Amino acid sequence: MATAAGPEEALSLSLKLRSMFYILTPNETSFCAVQEVPDYVNKATPLFLTLILLEFVVKWGQKGHASAQDSIASLSAGVLSQLPDFQQKWNNKLD
């Protein structure tokens, strides 16, 4: 008996990569209930960090040394993208 996929189902690497760059089809992002929506941020975070590490390694290979400035900028962008969600959770906690 087939069951519907739950929100905790493991996402494929392709889906993780496409969700990080907002390249998902409407069918992949349409759900009947909020509880069915996967936590895309938590699923894409390991890939995000892996790509930052890959960028660091490639720059190290090209120049013989790597500057952490680009990695810090990428991490800052990731953190800043989560501020609205954090603010909403904080405001709900205070109410």
N, C-alpha and C. Protein backbone atom coordinates (compact mmCIF):
# COMPACT_ATOMS: atom_id res chain seq x y z
N MET A 1 0.84 -1.18 0.00
CA MET A 1 0.00 0.00 0.00
C MET A 1 0.88 1.24 0.00
N ALA A 2 0.73 2.09 -0.98
CA ALA A 2 1.54 3.30 -1.09
C ALA A 2 0.99 4.40 -0.18
N THR A 3 1.90 5.10 0.45
CA THR A 3 1.50 6.21 1.31
C THR A 3 2.08 7.50 0.77
N ALA A 4 1.45 8.59 1.13
CA ALA A 4 1.94 9.89 0.70
C ALA A 4 3.25 10.20 1.40
N ALA A 5 4.11 10.90 0.70
CA ALA A 5 5.40 11.28 1.26
C ALA A 5 5.21 12.30 2.37
N GLY A 6 5.88 12.08 3.47
CA GLY A 6 5.79 13.01 4.60
C GLY A 6 6.82 14.11 4.48
N PRO A 7 6.72 15.12 5.35
CA PRO A 7 7.65 16.24 5.28
C PRO A 7 9.07 15.86 5.65
N GLU A 8 9.26 14.76 6.36
CA GLU A 8 10.60 14.37 6.77
C GLU A 8 11.29 13.44 5.77
N GLU A 9 10.63 13.16 4.65
CA GLU A 9 11.23 12.29 3.66
C GLU A 9 12.50 12.92 3.11
N ALA A 10 13.51 12.10 2.93
CA ALA A 10 14.79 12.60 2.43
C ALA A 10 14.63 13.13 1.01
N LEU A 11 15.16 14.31 0.77
CA LEU A 11 15.09 14.91 -0.56
C LEU A 11 16.29 14.45 -1.37
N SER A 12 16.08 14.28 -2.68
CA SER A 12 17.18 13.88 -3.54
C SER A 12 18.17 15.03 -3.66
N LEU A 13 19.40 14.72 -4.06
CA LEU A 13 20.42 15.74 -4.24
C LEU A 13 19.97 16.77 -5.27
N SER A 14 19.33 16.29 -6.34
CA SER A 14 18.82 17.19 -7.37
C SER A 14 17.80 18.16 -6.81
N LEU A 15 16.88 17.65 -6.00
CA LEU A 15 15.85 18.50 -5.41
C LEU A 15 16.46 19.50 -4.43
N LYS A 16 17.45 19.07 -3.65
CA LYS A 16 18.13 19.98 -2.73
C LYS A 16 18.80 21.11 -3.49
N LEU A 17 19.52 20.75 -4.55
CA LEU A 17 20.23 21.76 -5.33
C LEU A 17 19.25 22.72 -5.99
N ARG A 18 18.19 22.18 -6.58
CA ARG A 18 17.21 23.04 -7.24
C ARG A 18 16.45 23.90 -6.25
N SER A 19 16.21 23.41 -5.03
CA SER A 19 15.51 24.22 -4.03
C SER A 19 16.40 25.36 -3.55
N MET A 20 17.71 25.15 -3.53
CA MET A 20 18.61 26.21 -3.09
C MET A 20 18.61 27.36 -4.09
N PHE A 21 18.42 27.05 -5.36
CA PHE A 21 18.42 28.08 -6.40
C PHE A 21 17.01 28.41 -6.91
N TYR A 22 15.98 27.97 -6.17
CA TYR A 22 14.58 28.26 -6.52
C TYR A 22 14.21 27.77 -7.92
N ILE A 23 14.69 26.59 -8.29
CA ILE A 23 14.40 26.01 -9.60
C ILE A 23 13.49 24.79 -9.41
N LEU A 24 12.38 25.00 -8.75
CA LEU A 24 11.43 23.92 -8.50
C LEU A 24 10.18 24.13 -9.33
N THR A 25 9.55 23.02 -9.69
CA THR A 25 8.31 23.12 -10.44
C THR A 25 7.16 23.42 -9.49
N PRO A 26 6.05 23.95 -10.00
CA PRO A 26 4.89 24.21 -9.14
C PRO A 26 4.39 22.95 -8.43
N ASN A 27 4.47 21.80 -9.10
CA ASN A 27 4.02 20.55 -8.48
C ASN A 27 4.88 20.17 -7.28
N GLU A 28 6.16 20.56 -7.30
CA GLU A 28 7.05 20.23 -6.19
C GLU A 28 6.87 21.17 -5.00
N THR A 29 6.22 22.29 -5.21
CA THR A 29 6.09 23.28 -4.14
C THR A 29 4.64 23.56 -3.77
N SER A 30 3.72 22.75 -4.26
CA SER A 30 2.30 22.92 -3.93
C SER A 30 1.88 21.81 -2.97
N PHE A 31 1.32 22.20 -1.83
CA PHE A 31 0.92 21.24 -0.82
C PHE A 31 -0.47 21.60 -0.33
N CYS A 32 -1.21 20.59 0.11
CA CYS A 32 -2.57 20.81 0.61
C CYS A 32 -2.57 21.43 2.00
N ALA A 33 -1.60 21.09 2.81
CA ALA A 33 -1.55 21.59 4.19
C ALA A 33 -0.13 22.05 4.51
N VAL A 34 -0.02 22.99 5.41
CA VAL A 34 1.28 23.52 5.81
C VAL A 34 2.16 22.42 6.40
N GLN A 35 1.57 21.47 7.09
CA GLN A 35 2.32 20.39 7.71
C GLN A 35 3.04 19.51 6.68
N GLU A 36 2.57 19.51 5.43
CA GLU A 36 3.17 18.69 4.39
C GLU A 36 4.41 19.33 3.78
N VAL A 37 4.63 20.60 4.02
CA VAL A 37 5.74 21.33 3.39
C VAL A 37 7.05 20.91 4.05
N PRO A 38 8.01 20.42 3.24
CA PRO A 38 9.31 20.05 3.81
C PRO A 38 10.06 21.29 4.29
N ASP A 39 10.97 21.10 5.20
CA ASP A 39 11.80 22.20 5.68
C ASP A 39 12.98 22.33 4.72
N TYR A 40 12.77 23.08 3.64
CA TYR A 40 13.76 23.21 2.59
C TYR A 40 15.07 23.80 3.10
N VAL A 41 15.00 24.72 4.03
CA VAL A 41 16.22 25.36 4.54
C VAL A 41 17.12 24.33 5.22
N ASN A 42 16.55 23.53 6.09
CA ASN A 42 17.36 22.51 6.77
C ASN A 42 17.88 21.46 5.81
N LYS A 43 17.12 21.18 4.78
CA LYS A 43 17.55 20.18 3.80
C LYS A 43 18.66 20.72 2.90
N ALA A 44 18.66 22.02 2.61
CA ALA A 44 19.64 22.60 1.69
C ALA A 44 20.90 23.10 2.40
N THR A 45 20.85 23.27 3.71
CA THR A 45 22.00 23.82 4.43
C THR A 45 23.28 23.00 4.26
N PRO A 46 23.24 21.67 4.38
CA PRO A 46 24.50 20.91 4.16
C PRO A 46 25.08 21.13 2.76
N LEU A 47 24.22 21.21 1.76
CA LEU A 47 24.69 21.46 0.40
C LEU A 47 25.28 22.86 0.28
N PHE A 48 24.65 23.84 0.91
CA PHE A 48 25.14 25.21 0.93
C PHE A 48 26.55 25.27 1.52
N LEU A 49 26.73 24.62 2.66
CA LEU A 49 28.04 24.61 3.31
C LEU A 49 29.07 23.85 2.48
N THR A 50 28.64 22.77 1.82
CA THR A 50 29.54 22.01 0.95
C THR A 50 30.01 22.87 -0.22
N LEU A 51 29.10 23.64 -0.81
CA LEU A 51 29.49 24.50 -1.92
C LEU A 51 30.45 25.61 -1.47
N ILE A 52 30.26 26.12 -0.26
CA ILE A 52 31.20 27.12 0.27
C ILE A 52 32.58 26.49 0.44
N LEU A 53 32.63 25.28 0.99
CA LEU A 53 33.90 24.58 1.16
C LEU A 53 34.54 24.30 -0.20
N LEU A 54 33.74 23.89 -1.17
CA LEU A 54 34.25 23.63 -2.52
C LEU A 54 34.84 24.91 -3.13
N GLU A 55 34.16 26.03 -2.95
CA GLU A 55 34.68 27.31 -3.43
C GLU A 55 36.03 27.62 -2.79
N PHE A 56 36.15 27.37 -1.49
CA PHE A 56 37.39 27.61 -0.76
C PHE A 56 38.51 26.74 -1.32
N VAL A 57 38.22 25.46 -1.57
CA VAL A 57 39.22 24.52 -2.08
C VAL A 57 39.66 24.90 -3.50
N VAL A 58 38.70 25.28 -4.34
CA VAL A 58 39.04 25.66 -5.72
C VAL A 58 39.93 26.90 -5.72
N LYS A 59 39.59 27.88 -4.91
CA LYS A 59 40.42 29.09 -4.85
C LYS A 59 41.81 28.77 -4.30
N TRP A 60 41.87 27.85 -3.35
CA TRP A 60 43.17 27.43 -2.82
C TRP A 60 44.00 26.80 -3.94
N GLY A 61 43.37 25.97 -4.76
CA GLY A 61 44.06 25.32 -5.86
C GLY A 61 44.51 26.29 -6.93
N GLN A 62 43.73 27.33 -7.17
CA GLN A 62 44.07 28.30 -8.21
C GLN A 62 45.20 29.24 -7.79
N LYS A 63 45.15 29.70 -6.54
CA LYS A 63 46.09 30.73 -6.09
C LYS A 63 47.18 30.19 -5.17
N GLY A 64 47.04 28.99 -4.68
CA GLY A 64 47.98 28.47 -3.70
C GLY A 64 47.64 28.90 -2.29
N HIS A 65 46.68 29.78 -2.15
CA HIS A 65 46.15 30.20 -0.85
C HIS A 65 44.71 30.62 -1.08
N ALA A 66 43.96 30.67 -0.03
CA ALA A 66 42.55 31.06 -0.16
C ALA A 66 42.22 32.14 0.85
N SER A 67 41.43 33.08 0.41
CA SER A 67 40.95 34.13 1.30
C SER A 67 39.60 33.70 1.86
N ALA A 68 39.41 33.94 3.11
CA ALA A 68 38.16 33.56 3.75
C ALA A 68 37.06 34.59 3.51
N GLN A 69 37.38 35.69 2.85
CA GLN A 69 36.40 36.76 2.66
C GLN A 69 35.15 36.30 1.91
N ASP A 70 35.33 35.55 0.82
CA ASP A 70 34.18 35.07 0.06
C ASP A 70 33.34 34.08 0.87
N SER A 71 34.02 33.23 1.61
CA SER A 71 33.29 32.26 2.44
C SER A 71 32.50 32.97 3.53
N ILE A 72 33.10 33.96 4.14
CA ILE A 72 32.41 34.73 5.18
C ILE A 72 31.22 35.47 4.58
N ALA A 73 31.40 36.02 3.38
CA ALA A 73 30.29 36.71 2.71
C ALA A 73 29.15 35.75 2.40
N SER A 74 29.46 34.55 1.95
CA SER A 74 28.42 33.55 1.66
C SER A 74 27.69 33.14 2.93
N LEU A 75 28.43 32.90 3.99
CA LEU A 75 27.80 32.54 5.26
C LEU A 75 26.94 33.68 5.79
N SER A 76 27.41 34.91 5.64
CA SER A 76 26.63 36.07 6.09
C SER A 76 25.34 36.19 5.30
N ALA A 77 25.41 35.96 4.00
CA ALA A 77 24.20 36.01 3.17
C ALA A 77 23.21 34.94 3.61
N GLY A 78 23.71 33.75 3.92
CA GLY A 78 22.83 32.68 4.39
C GLY A 78 22.17 33.03 5.72
N VAL A 79 22.94 33.61 6.63
CA VAL A 79 22.39 34.00 7.93
C VAL A 79 21.37 35.12 7.77
N LEU A 80 21.72 36.12 6.96
CA LEU A 80 20.81 37.25 6.76
C LEU A 80 19.51 36.83 6.09
N SER A 81 19.57 35.81 5.25
CA SER A 81 18.35 35.35 4.59
C SER A 81 17.38 34.72 5.59
N GLN A 82 17.88 34.32 6.75
CA GLN A 82 17.04 33.68 7.76
C GLN A 82 16.51 34.66 8.81
N LEU A 83 16.96 35.90 8.78
CA LEU A 83 16.53 36.87 9.79
C LEU A 83 15.01 37.11 9.83
N PRO A 84 14.32 37.24 8.70
CA PRO A 84 12.87 37.43 8.78
C PRO A 84 12.16 36.28 9.49
N ASP A 85 12.59 35.04 9.22
CA ASP A 85 11.99 33.88 9.88
C ASP A 85 12.28 33.91 11.37
N PHE A 86 13.51 34.26 11.74
CA PHE A 86 13.88 34.37 13.15
C PHE A 86 13.06 35.45 13.84
N GLN A 87 12.89 36.58 13.17
CA GLN A 87 12.11 37.68 13.75
C GLN A 87 10.66 37.25 13.98
N GLN A 88 10.09 36.54 13.02
CA GLN A 88 8.71 36.09 13.16
C GLN A 88 8.58 35.12 14.34
N LYS A 89 9.52 34.19 14.47
CA LYS A 89 9.48 33.24 15.59
C LYS A 89 9.66 33.98 16.92
N TRP A 90 10.54 34.97 16.93
CA TRP A 90 10.78 35.74 18.15
C TRP A 90 9.52 36.51 18.56
N ASN A 91 8.88 37.15 17.58
CA ASN A 91 7.66 37.90 17.87
C ASN A 91 6.54 36.99 18.37
N ASN A 92 6.41 35.81 17.79
CA ASN A 92 5.40 34.85 18.24
C ASN A 92 5.70 34.36 19.66
N LYS A 93 6.97 34.26 19.99
CA LYS A 93 7.36 33.80 21.32
C LYS A 93 7.00 34.86 22.37
N LEU A 94 7.12 36.14 22.00
CA LEU A 94 6.82 37.22 22.94
C LEU A 94 5.33 37.40 23.17
N ASP A 95 4.52 36.99 22.19
CA ASP A 95 3.05 37.16 22.32
C ASP A 95 2.43 36.20 23.28
